[in-house]
PDB file of N, CA and C in Angstrom:
ATOM      1  N   MET A   1     174.975 394.186 -10.857  1.00  0.00           N
ATOM      2  CA  MET A   1     174.003 393.432 -11.774  1.00  0.00           C
ATOM      3  C   MET A   1     173.899 392.436 -12.613  1.00  0.00           C
ATOM      4  N   PRO A   2     173.664 391.901 -13.183  1.00  0.00           N
ATOM      5  CA  PRO A   2     173.931 390.812 -13.979  1.00  0.00           C
ATOM      6  C   PRO A   2     174.962 391.053 -15.327  1.00  0.00           C
ATOM      7  N   ALA A   3     175.728 390.525 -16.249  1.00  0.00           N
ATOM      8  CA  ALA A   3     175.912 391.227 -17.402  1.00  0.00           C
ATOM      9  C   ALA A   3     174.867 390.435 -18.047  1.00  0.00           C
ATOM     10  N   ASP A   4     174.795 390.970 -19.268  1.00  0.00           N
ATOM     11  CA  ASP A   4     173.988 391.449 -20.315  1.00  0.00           C
ATOM     12  C   ASP A   4     174.014 389.788 -21.107  1.00  0.00           C
ATOM     13  N   PRO A   5     172.975 389.811 -21.400  1.00  0.00           N
ATOM     14  CA  PRO A   5     172.898 387.868 -22.206  1.00  0.00           C
ATOM     15  C   PRO A   5     174.362 387.901 -23.804  1.00  0.00           C
ATOM     16  N   ASP A   6     175.054 386.769 -23.540  1.00  0.00           N
ATOM     17  CA  ASP A   6     175.899 387.103 -24.648  1.00  0.00           C
ATOM     18  C   ASP A   6     175.297 386.589 -26.250  1.00  0.00           C
ATOM     19  N   LEU A   7     174.879 386.672 -27.630  1.00  0.00           N
ATOM     20  CA  LEU A   7     173.562 385.990 -27.684  1.00  0.00           C
ATOM     21  C   LEU A   7     174.247 385.845 -29.022  1.00  0.00           C
ATOM     22  N   THR A   8     175.608 386.175 -28.852  1.00  0.00           N
ATOM     23  CA  THR A   8     176.954 385.941 -29.858  1.00  0.00           C
ATOM     24  C   THR A   8     177.683 384.353 -29.694  1.00  0.00           C
ATOM     25  N   LEU A   9     177.036 383.869 -28.832  1.00  0.00           N
ATOM     26  CA  LEU A   9     177.536 382.373 -28.051  1.00  0.00           C
ATOM     27  C   LEU A   9     177.205 381.508 -29.389  1.00  0.00           C
ATOM     28  N   PRO A  10     178.248 380.582 -29.748  1.00  0.00           N
ATOM     29  CA  PRO A  10     178.049 379.713 -30.889  1.00  0.00           C
ATOM     30  C   PRO A  10     176.934 378.261 -30.296  1.00  0.00           C
ATOM     31  N   LEU A  11     176.297 378.018 -30.886  1.00  0.00           N
ATOM     32  CA  LEU A  11     175.702 376.352 -30.220  1.00  0.00           C
ATOM     33  C   LEU A  11     176.761 376.069 -31.045  1.00  0.00           C
ATOM     34  N   ALA A  12     176.684 374.394 -29.309  1.00  0.00           N
ATOM     35  CA  ALA A  12     177.790 372.790 -29.245  1.00  0.00           C
ATOM     36  C   ALA A  12     177.782 372.695 -31.222  1.00  0.00           C
ATOM     37  N   GLN A  13     176.895 372.574 -32.142  1.00  0.00           N
ATOM     38  CA  GLN A  13     176.681 371.908 -32.910  1.00  0.00           C
ATOM     39  C   GLN A  13     175.621 372.748 -33.961  1.00  0.00           C
ATOM     40  N   PRO A  14     175.943 373.451 -34.799  1.00  0.00           N
ATOM     41  CA  PRO A  14     174.844 374.194 -35.850  1.00  0.00           C
ATOM     42  C   PRO A  14     173.433 373.073 -36.711  1.00  0.00           C
ATOM     43  N   ILE A  15     172.963 374.095 -36.440  1.00  0.00           N
ATOM     44  CA  ILE A  15     171.132 373.522 -37.089  1.00  0.00           C
ATOM     45  C   ILE A  15     170.884 373.842 -38.033  1.00  0.00           C
ATOM     46  N   THR A  16     170.756 373.051 -38.997  1.00  0.00           N
ATOM     47  CA  THR A  16     170.940 373.004 -40.794  1.00  0.00           C
ATOM     48  C   THR A  16     168.371 372.677 -40.776  1.00  0.00           C
ATOM     49  N   LEU A  17     168.023 374.045 -40.677  1.00  0.00           N
ATOM     50  CA  LEU A  17     166.916 373.070 -40.882  1.00  0.00           C
ATOM     51  C   LEU A  17     166.705 372.366 -42.059  1.00  0.00           C
ATOM     52  N   THR A  18     165.391 371.970 -42.686  1.00  0.00           N
ATOM     53  CA  THR A  18     165.495 371.168 -43.530  1.00  0.00           C
ATOM     54  C   THR A  18     164.451 372.419 -44.904  1.00  0.00           C
ATOM     55  N   ARG A  19     164.460 373.098 -44.060  1.00  0.00           N
ATOM     56  CA  ARG A  19     163.285 374.637 -45.401  1.00  0.00           C
ATOM     57  C   ARG A  19     163.221 375.498 -45.038  1.00  0.00           C
ATOM     58  N   GLY A  20     163.118 376.451 -45.378  1.00  0.00           N
ATOM     59  CA  GLY A  20     162.485 378.196 -44.642  1.00  0.00           C
ATOM     60  C   GLY A  20     163.786 378.870 -45.587  1.00  0.00           C
ATOM     61  N   PRO A  21     163.337 380.130 -45.009  1.00  0.00           N
ATOM     62  CA  PRO A  21     165.342 380.812 -44.476  1.00  0.00           C
ATOM     63  C   PRO A  21     165.199 380.753 -43.195  1.00  0.00           C
ATOM     64  N   GLY A  22     166.611 381.298 -43.188  1.00  0.00           N
ATOM     65  CA  GLY A  22     167.289 381.187 -41.589  1.00  0.00           C
ATOM     66  C   GLY A  22     167.723 379.869 -41.687  1.00  0.00           C
ATOM     67  N   SER A  23     167.757 378.788 -42.597  1.00  0.00           N
ATOM     68  CA  SER A  23     167.893 377.454 -42.579  1.00  0.00           C
ATOM     69  C   SER A  23     169.337 376.853 -41.683  1.00  0.00           C
ATOM     70  N   HIS A  24     170.666 377.708 -41.776  1.00  0.00           N
ATOM     71  CA  HIS A  24     171.390 377.428 -40.775  1.00  0.00           C
ATOM     72  C   HIS A  24     171.593 378.352 -40.188  1.00  0.00           C
ATOM     73  N   LEU A  25     171.325 378.272 -38.510  1.00  0.00           N
ATOM     74  CA  LEU A  25     171.677 378.524 -37.388  1.00  0.00           C
ATOM     75  C   LEU A  25     172.952 378.021 -36.328  1.00  0.00           C
ATOM     76  N   VAL A  26     173.738 379.145 -36.560  1.00  0.00           N
ATOM     77  CA  VAL A  26     174.854 378.638 -35.755  1.00  0.00           C
ATOM     78  C   VAL A  26     174.829 379.392 -34.070  1.00  0.00           C
ATOM     79  N   THR A  27     174.258 381.001 -34.033  1.00  0.00           N
ATOM     80  CA  THR A  27     174.603 381.474 -33.645  1.00  0.00           C
ATOM     81  C   THR A  27     173.307 381.296 -32.237  1.00  0.00           C
ATOM     82  N   LEU A  28     173.082 381.181 -31.554  1.00  0.00           N
ATOM     83  CA  LEU A  28     172.424 382.285 -30.651  1.00  0.00           C
ATOM     84  C   LEU A  28     171.543 383.012 -30.703  1.00  0.00           C
ATOM     85  N   MET A  29     172.270 384.037 -31.492  1.00  0.00           N
ATOM     86  CA  MET A  29     171.707 385.455 -32.065  1.00  0.00           C
ATOM     87  C   MET A  29     170.959 384.470 -33.595  1.00  0.00           C
ATOM     88  N   ASP A  30     171.239 383.426 -33.948  1.00  0.00           N
ATOM     89  CA  ASP A  30     170.420 383.527 -35.456  1.00  0.00           C
ATOM     90  C   ASP A  30     169.123 382.893 -35.477  1.00  0.00           C
ATOM     91  N   VAL A  31     168.976 381.736 -34.105  1.00  0.00           N
ATOM     92  CA  VAL A  31     167.916 381.612 -33.875  1.00  0.00           C
ATOM     93  C   VAL A  31     166.811 382.229 -32.706  1.00  0.00           C
ATOM     94  N   ALA A  32     167.614 383.294 -32.452  1.00  0.00           N
ATOM     95  CA  ALA A  32     166.364 384.293 -31.927  1.00  0.00           C
ATOM     96  C   ALA A  32     165.884 385.295 -33.223  1.00  0.00           C
ATOM     97  N   ILE A  33     167.201 385.274 -34.319  1.00  0.00           N
ATOM     98  CA  ILE A  33     166.983 385.923 -35.602  1.00  0.00           C
ATOM     99  C   ILE A  33     165.383 385.085 -35.946  1.00  0.00           C
ATOM    100  N   LEU A  34     166.091 383.441 -36.037  1.00  0.00           N
ATOM    101  CA  LEU A  34     164.575 383.017 -36.230  1.00  0.00           C
ATOM    102  C   LEU A  34     163.498 383.100 -36.111  1.00  0.00           C
ATOM    103  N   ILE A  35     162.976 383.186 -34.833  1.00  0.00           N
ATOM    104  CA  ILE A  35     161.771 382.720 -34.065  1.00  0.00           C
ATOM    105  C   ILE A  35     161.207 384.840 -34.773  1.00  0.00           C
ATOM    106  N   GLY A  36     161.872 385.351 -34.034  1.00  0.00           N
ATOM    107  CA  GLY A  36     161.621 387.263 -34.525  1.00  0.00           C
ATOM    108  C   GLY A  36     161.025 387.071 -35.735  1.00  0.00           C
ATOM    109  N   ASN A  37     161.590 386.222 -37.533  1.00  0.00           N
ATOM    110  CA  ASN A  37     160.633 386.353 -38.552  1.00  0.00           C
ATOM    111  C   ASN A  37     160.289 385.333 -38.441  1.00  0.00           C
ATOM    112  N   LEU A  38     159.122 384.663 -37.786  1.00  0.00           N
ATOM    113  CA  LEU A  38     158.049 383.997 -37.733  1.00  0.00           C
ATOM    114  C   LEU A  38     157.015 385.214 -37.553  1.00  0.00           C
ATOM    115  N   GLU A  39     156.318 384.500 -39.095  1.00  0.00           N
ATOM    116  CA  GLU A  39     155.157 384.464 -38.780  1.00  0.00           C
ATOM    117  C   GLU A  39     154.326 385.428 -38.204  1.00  0.00           C
ATOM    118  N   PRO A  40     153.218 385.841 -37.397  1.00  0.00           N
ATOM    119  CA  PRO A  40     152.782 385.929 -35.551  1.00  0.00           C
ATOM    120  C   PRO A  40     151.905 385.075 -35.335  1.00  0.00           C
ATOM    121  N   PHE A  41     151.135 383.787 -36.375  1.00  0.00           N
ATOM    122  CA  PHE A  41     150.167 383.017 -35.991  1.00  0.00           C
ATOM    123  C   PHE A  41     151.369 381.688 -35.198  1.00  0.00           C
ATOM    124  N   ARG A  42     151.944 381.837 -35.911  1.00  0.00           N
ATOM    125  CA  ARG A  42     153.809 380.611 -35.387  1.00  0.00           C
ATOM    126  C   ARG A  42     154.054 381.249 -34.487  1.00  0.00           C
ATOM    127  N   GLN A  43     154.497 382.102 -33.907  1.00  0.00           N
ATOM    128  CA  GLN A  43     155.912 383.042 -32.700  1.00  0.00           C
ATOM    129  C   GLN A  43     154.304 382.812 -31.735  1.00  0.00           C
ATOM    130  N   ALA A  44     153.527 383.211 -31.515  1.00  0.00           N
ATOM    131  CA  ALA A  44     152.771 383.312 -30.524  1.00  0.00           C
ATOM    132  C   ALA A  44     152.177 381.836 -30.095  1.00  0.00           C
ATOM    133  N   ARG A  45     152.982 380.494 -30.509  1.00  0.00           N
ATOM    134  CA  ARG A  45     152.130 379.121 -29.857  1.00  0.00           C
ATOM    135  C   ARG A  45     153.451 379.659 -28.867  1.00  0.00           C
ATOM    136  N   PRO A  46     153.418 378.817 -28.042  1.00  0.00           N
ATOM    137  CA  PRO A  46     153.549 378.634 -26.214  1.00  0.00           C
ATOM    138  C   PRO A  46     155.146 377.869 -26.970  1.00  0.00           C
ATOM    139  N   VAL A  47     155.626 377.236 -27.791  1.00  0.00           N
ATOM    140  CA  VAL A  47     156.186 376.498 -28.010  1.00  0.00           C
ATOM    141  C   VAL A  47     157.800 377.479 -28.122  1.00  0.00           C
ATOM    142  N   TRP A  48     156.912 378.415 -29.026  1.00  0.00           N
ATOM    143  CA  TRP A  48     158.405 379.318 -29.050  1.00  0.00           C
ATOM    144  C   TRP A  48     158.941 380.355 -28.187  1.00  0.00           C
ATOM    145  N   ASP A  49     157.920 380.385 -26.447  1.00  0.00           N
ATOM    146  CA  ASP A  49     158.095 381.257 -25.567  1.00  0.00           C
ATOM    147  C   ASP A  49     159.485 380.831 -24.700  1.00  0.00           C
ATOM    148  N   ARG A  50     158.946 378.722 -25.162  1.00  0.00           N
ATOM    149  CA  ARG A  50     160.255 377.711 -24.544  1.00  0.00           C
ATOM    150  C   ARG A  50     161.376 377.922 -24.920  1.00  0.00           C
ATOM    151  N   VAL A  51     162.093 378.391 -26.405  1.00  0.00           N
ATOM    152  CA  VAL A  51     162.831 378.492 -27.048  1.00  0.00           C
ATOM    153  C   VAL A  51     163.296 379.733 -26.400  1.00  0.00           C
ATOM    154  N   ALA A  52     162.615 380.573 -26.384  1.00  0.00           N
ATOM    155  CA  ALA A  52     163.150 381.649 -26.168  1.00  0.00           C
ATOM    156  C   ALA A  52     164.028 381.689 -24.774  1.00  0.00           C
ATOM    157  N   GLU A  53     163.398 381.781 -23.493  1.00  0.00           N
ATOM    158  CA  GLU A  53     163.715 381.101 -22.469  1.00  0.00           C
ATOM    159  C   GLU A  53     165.007 380.353 -22.486  1.00  0.00           C
ATOM    160  N   MET A  54     164.894 379.775 -23.690  1.00  0.00           N
ATOM    161  CA  MET A  54     166.414 378.504 -23.351  1.00  0.00           C
ATOM    162  C   MET A  54     168.217 379.240 -24.330  1.00  0.00           C
ATOM    163  N   ILE A  55     166.674 380.312 -25.105  1.00  0.00           N
ATOM    164  CA  ILE A  55     168.058 380.861 -25.638  1.00  0.00           C
ATOM    165  C   ILE A  55     168.629 381.842 -24.304  1.00  0.00           C
ATOM    166  N   LEU A  56     167.805 383.148 -23.114  1.00  0.00           N
ATOM    167  CA  LEU A  56     168.414 383.394 -22.484  1.00  0.00           C
ATOM    168  C   LEU A  56     168.817 382.599 -21.270  1.00  0.00           C
ATOM    169  N   ILE A  57     168.667 381.318 -21.362  1.00  0.00           N
ATOM    170  CA  ILE A  57     169.805 380.804 -20.841  1.00  0.00           C
ATOM    171  C   ILE A  57     171.365 380.490 -20.615  1.00  0.00           C
ATOM    172  N   ALA A  58     170.850 379.711 -21.941  1.00  0.00           N
ATOM    173  CA  ALA A  58     171.975 379.142 -22.279  1.00  0.00           C
ATOM    174  C   ALA A  58     172.743 381.028 -22.792  1.00  0.00           C
ATOM    175  N   ALA A  59     172.024 382.111 -22.992  1.00  0.00           N
ATOM    176  CA  ALA A  59     172.834 383.226 -22.671  1.00  0.00           C
ATOM    177  C   ALA A  59     173.639 384.041 -21.918  1.00  0.00           C
ATOM    178  N   GLU A  60     172.591 383.737 -20.688  1.00  0.00           N
ATOM    179  CA  GLU A  60     173.044 383.824 -19.019  1.00  0.00           C
ATOM    180  C   GLU A  60     174.582 383.255 -18.985  1.00  0.00           C
ATOM    181  N   THR A  61     174.249 381.719 -19.388  1.00  0.00           N
ATOM    182  CA  THR A  61     174.713 381.014 -18.706  1.00  0.00           C
ATOM    183  C   THR A  61     176.490 380.099 -19.510  1.00  0.00           C
ATOM    184  N   GLY A  62     176.575 380.916 -20.372  1.00  0.00           N
ATOM    185  CA  GLY A  62     177.730 380.604 -21.313  1.00  0.00           C
ATOM    186  C   GLY A  62     177.334 379.172 -21.342  1.00  0.00           C
ATOM    187  N   ARG A  63     176.176 378.627 -21.591  1.00  0.00           N
ATOM    188  CA  ARG A  63     176.081 377.695 -22.079  1.00  0.00           C
ATOM    189  C   ARG A  63     175.455 377.034 -23.092  1.00  0.00           C
ATOM    190  N   PRO A  64     175.601 377.305 -24.476  1.00  0.00           N
ATOM    191  CA  PRO A  64     174.406 376.840 -25.129  1.00  0.00           C
ATOM    192  C   PRO A  64     174.430 375.715 -26.097  1.00  0.00           C
ATOM    193  N   ASP A  65     175.877 374.981 -25.376  1.00  0.00           N
ATOM    194  CA  ASP A  65     175.510 372.903 -25.869  1.00  0.00           C
ATOM    195  C   ASP A  65     174.282 372.743 -25.818  1.00  0.00           C
ATOM    196  N   GLU A  66     173.688 373.157 -23.877  1.00  0.00           N
ATOM    197  CA  GLU A  66     172.258 372.823 -23.592  1.00  0.00           C
ATOM    198  C   GLU A  66     170.820 373.487 -24.856  1.00  0.00           C
ATOM    199  N   LEU A  67     171.016 373.913 -25.134  1.00  0.00           N
ATOM    200  CA  LEU A  67     170.741 374.781 -26.342  1.00  0.00           C
ATOM    201  C   LEU A  67     170.174 373.519 -27.520  1.00  0.00           C
ATOM    202  N   VAL A  68     171.498 373.334 -27.698  1.00  0.00           N
ATOM    203  CA  VAL A  68     171.080 372.475 -29.476  1.00  0.00           C
ATOM    204  C   VAL A  68     170.025 371.548 -29.003  1.00  0.00           C
ATOM    205  N   GLY A  69     170.423 371.175 -28.146  1.00  0.00           N
ATOM    206  CA  GLY A  69     169.523 368.998 -27.845  1.00  0.00           C
ATOM    207  C   GLY A  69     167.658 369.496 -27.567  1.00  0.00           C
ATOM    208  N   GLY A  70     167.344 370.712 -26.921  1.00  0.00           N
ATOM    209  CA  GLY A  70     166.062 370.719 -25.892  1.00  0.00           C
ATOM    210  C   GLY A  70     165.880 371.995 -27.424  1.00  0.00           C
ATOM    211  N   PHE A  71     166.595 372.409 -28.422  1.00  0.00           N
ATOM    212  CA  PHE A  71     165.324 373.728 -29.785  1.00  0.00           C
ATOM    213  C   PHE A  71     165.135 372.507 -30.178  1.00  0.00           C
ATOM    214  N   VAL A  72     166.220 371.691 -30.902  1.00  0.00           N
ATOM    215  CA  VAL A  72     165.803 369.737 -31.377  1.00  0.00           C
ATOM    216  C   VAL A  72     163.744 369.173 -31.308  1.00  0.00           C
ATOM    217  N   ASP A  73     164.725 368.989 -29.487  1.00  0.00           N
ATOM    218  CA  ASP A  73     162.798 368.722 -28.787  1.00  0.00           C
ATOM    219  C   ASP A  73     161.770 369.184 -28.633  1.00  0.00           C
ATOM    220  N   VAL A  74     162.031 370.210 -28.404  1.00  0.00           N
ATOM    221  CA  VAL A  74     160.921 370.990 -28.239  1.00  0.00           C
ATOM    222  C   VAL A  74     159.935 371.543 -29.658  1.00  0.00           C
ATOM    223  N   VAL A  75     161.040 372.341 -30.214  1.00  0.00           N
ATOM    224  CA  VAL A  75     160.758 372.924 -31.693  1.00  0.00           C
ATOM    225  C   VAL A  75     160.299 371.165 -32.980  1.00  0.00           C
ATOM    226  N   TRP A  76     160.959 370.388 -33.185  1.00  0.00           N
ATOM    227  CA  TRP A  76     161.229 369.900 -34.393  1.00  0.00           C
ATOM    228  C   TRP A  76     160.218 368.955 -33.527  1.00  0.00           C
ATOM    229  N   SER A  77     159.856 368.452 -32.293  1.00  0.00           N
ATOM    230  CA  SER A  77     158.580 367.220 -31.812  1.00  0.00           C
ATOM    231  C   SER A  77     157.259 367.595 -32.624  1.00  0.00           C
ATOM    232  N   GLU A  78     157.023 369.547 -32.409  1.00  0.00           N
ATOM    233  CA  GLU A  78     155.490 369.863 -32.395  1.00  0.00           C
ATOM    234  C   GLU A  78     155.614 370.180 -34.051  1.00  0.00           C
ATOM    235  N   ARG A  79     156.132 370.027 -34.609  1.00  0.00           N
ATOM    236  CA  ARG A  79     156.453 370.183 -35.806  1.00  0.00           C
ATOM    237  C   ARG A  79     156.363 368.769 -36.469  1.00  0.00           C
ATOM    238  N   LYS A  80     156.994 368.599 -35.563  1.00  0.00           N
ATOM    239  CA  LYS A  80     156.633 366.608 -36.615  1.00  0.00           C
ATOM    240  C   LYS A  80     157.767 366.399 -37.902  1.00  0.00           C
ATOM    241  N   ALA A  81     158.836 367.079 -37.263  1.00  0.00           N
ATOM    242  CA  ALA A  81     160.001 367.477 -39.161  1.00  0.00           C
ATOM    243  C   ALA A  81     160.958 366.883 -38.371  1.00  0.00           C
ATOM    244  N   ALA A  82     161.901 366.655 -38.596  1.00  0.00           N
ATOM    245  CA  ALA A  82     163.550 366.584 -37.299  1.00  0.00           C
ATOM    246  C   ALA A  82     164.348 367.526 -38.465  1.00  0.00           C
ATOM    247  N   PRO A  83     165.363 368.632 -37.569  1.00  0.00           N
ATOM    248  CA  PRO A  83     166.371 369.427 -38.540  1.00  0.00           C
ATOM    249  C   PRO A  83     167.668 368.017 -38.770  1.00  0.00           C
ATOM    250  N   LYS A  84     168.585 368.424 -39.975  1.00  0.00           N
ATOM    251  CA  LYS A  84     169.581 367.488 -39.724  1.00  0.00           C
ATOM    252  C   LYS A  84     170.652 368.922 -39.134  1.00  0.00           C
ATOM    253  N   ILE A  85     170.912 367.689 -37.967  1.00  0.00           N
ATOM    254  CA  ILE A  85     171.758 368.452 -37.439  1.00  0.00           C
ATOM    255  C   ILE A  85     173.578 367.724 -37.647  1.00  0.00           C
ATOM    256  N   GLY A  86     174.361 369.740 -37.050  1.00  0.00           N
ATOM    257  CA  GLY A  86     175.998 368.941 -37.631  1.00  0.00           C
ATOM    258  C   GLY A  86     175.592 370.172 -39.417  1.00  0.00           C
ATOM    259  N   THR A  87     176.857 370.204 -39.877  1.00  0.00           N
ATOM    260  CA  THR A  87     177.267 370.600 -40.895  1.00  0.00           C
ATOM    261  C   THR A  87     177.884 369.391 -42.064  1.00  0.00           C
TER     262      THR A  87
END
């Protein structure tokens, strides 16, 4: 039986969003909470399904470093606003 995904893993680089609540993302759980707190009409967008899939893959493989670039590419290309990565 596979182990539970580890959502406490830190991201390779913190992600600081330019606006909104939960604007500093440090762990996979932070990204998951961000998605969970979105308004239903935003959460229903397919892009968030892709990000959720990426979170689970990173948590299961123990490789959250792969999430940062993918998250930025997927989410912010849709929103047409770039987050500031790093601290």
